[in-house]
Structures are given as structure tokens and as C-alpha cells.
Protein backbone atom coordinates (compact mmCIF):
# COMPACT_ATOMS: atom_id res chain seq x y z
CA MET A 1 0.00 0.00 0.00
CA TYR A 2 2.80 2.42 0.87
CA VAL A 3 4.58 1.80 -2.44
CA VAL A 4 1.41 2.57 -4.39
CA LYS A 5 0.81 5.67 -2.30
CA ALA A 6 4.41 6.86 -2.81
CA ASP A 7 4.21 6.26 -6.57
CA LEU A 8 0.91 8.11 -6.76
CA ASN A 9 2.28 11.04 -4.76
CA ARG A 10 5.31 11.22 -7.07
CA LEU A 11 3.04 11.21 -10.14
CA LEU A 12 0.88 13.95 -8.68
CA GLU A 13 3.90 16.12 -7.89
CA LYS A 14 5.16 15.88 -11.49
CA ALA A 15 1.77 16.19 -13.19
CA ARG A 16 0.60 19.34 -14.87
CA ASN A 17 -2.97 18.36 -14.15
CA PRO A 18 -3.20 16.23 -10.98
CA ARG A 19 -6.93 15.74 -11.47
CA LEU A 20 -6.37 13.96 -14.79
CA VAL A 21 -3.71 11.78 -13.19
CA LEU A 22 -6.08 10.82 -10.38
CA GLU A 23 -8.92 10.11 -12.80
CA ALA A 24 -6.69 7.87 -14.91
CA TYR A 25 -5.42 6.14 -11.78
CA LEU A 26 -8.97 5.52 -10.58
CA GLU A 27 -9.96 4.16 -14.00
CA ASP A 28 -7.04 1.73 -13.81
CA LEU A 29 -8.12 0.66 -10.34
CA GLU A 30 -11.68 0.11 -11.58
CA GLN A 31 -10.38 -2.10 -14.39
CA VAL A 32 -8.31 -4.12 -11.94
CA LEU A 33 -11.34 -4.47 -9.69
CA GLU A 34 -13.49 -5.67 -12.61
CA GLN A 35 -10.85 -8.24 -13.54
CA ALA A 36 -10.63 -9.43 -9.94
CA ARG A 37 -14.41 -9.79 -9.74
CA ALA A 38 -14.51 -11.72 -13.01
CA LEU A 39 -11.78 -14.04 -11.77
CA ARG A 40 -13.61 -14.54 -8.48
CA ASP A 41 -16.84 -15.38 -10.31
CA ALA A 42 -15.04 -17.85 -12.58
CA GLU A 43 -13.41 -19.51 -9.57
CA ARG A 44 -16.76 -19.79 -7.81
CA ALA A 45 -18.35 -21.37 -10.87
CA GLU A 46 -15.50 -23.85 -11.18
CA HIS A 47 -15.75 -24.70 -7.48
CA GLU A 48 -19.49 -25.31 -7.79
CA MET A 49 -18.93 -27.50 -10.84
CA TYR A 50 -16.40 -29.67 -9.00
CA ALA A 51 -18.58 -29.83 -5.89
CA ALA A 52 -21.46 -31.12 -8.02
CA ARG A 53 -19.15 -33.68 -9.63
CA VAL A 54 -18.03 -34.90 -6.19
CA ARG A 55 -21.67 -35.24 -5.10
CA ASP A 56 -22.47 -37.24 -8.23
CA LEU A 57 -19.48 -39.52 -7.77
CA ARG A 58 -20.32 -40.14 -4.12
CA ALA A 59 -23.89 -41.03 -5.06
CA ALA A 60 -22.60 -43.40 -7.74
CA ALA A 61 -20.22 -44.99 -5.24
CA ARG A 62 -23.07 -45.56 -2.77
CA SER A 63 -25.18 -47.11 -5.51
CA MET A 64 -22.37 -49.42 -6.60
CA GLU A 65 -21.70 -50.40 -2.99
CA LYS A 66 -25.36 -51.37 -2.52
CA LYS A 67 -25.27 -53.42 -5.72
CA ALA A 68 -22.07 -55.14 -4.60
CA LEU A 69 -23.61 -56.01 -1.23
CA LEU A 70 -26.66 -57.47 -2.98
CA CYS A 71 -24.37 -59.66 -5.08
CA LEU A 72 -22.78 -61.05 -1.93
CA GLU A 73 -26.09 -62.18 -0.47
């Protein structure tokens, strides 16, 4: 955080129009935030997909176990 703050302060000191620098900086931060949210959403979707797959496989394993026990009777 301090590095970003120091870099921003240095940019503002050198800028002819600090407001434009801040607006551009905020736009960049918004883009990073959008990318982070998209990545989070993709990770959630992938997690849900794998969780569903695990549930399906566990159900299949229970079914096969029941069938195997019936064969042993």
C-alpha cells in the first residue's frame, strides 16, 4: 500500500494536471477491480462444478456399494 501511495504522490507532484492523473489512476483501479471480480466469479463457478461432480461420484459410489452387497447375499 505504501509503495502505491508513494508512486501516486510522485506522479501527482510531477503532473501538470493532478486531477487527470487521479482520474486515470482511478480508472485503472476500476479495471483491476473488474478483472478481480470476473476471476472470483469464474473460480466460484468452477468450485461449484467440481462440488457437483463430487456429489455425483459419491452417489454413484453408494449405488455401486449397494449393488455389490446385494451380489454377496
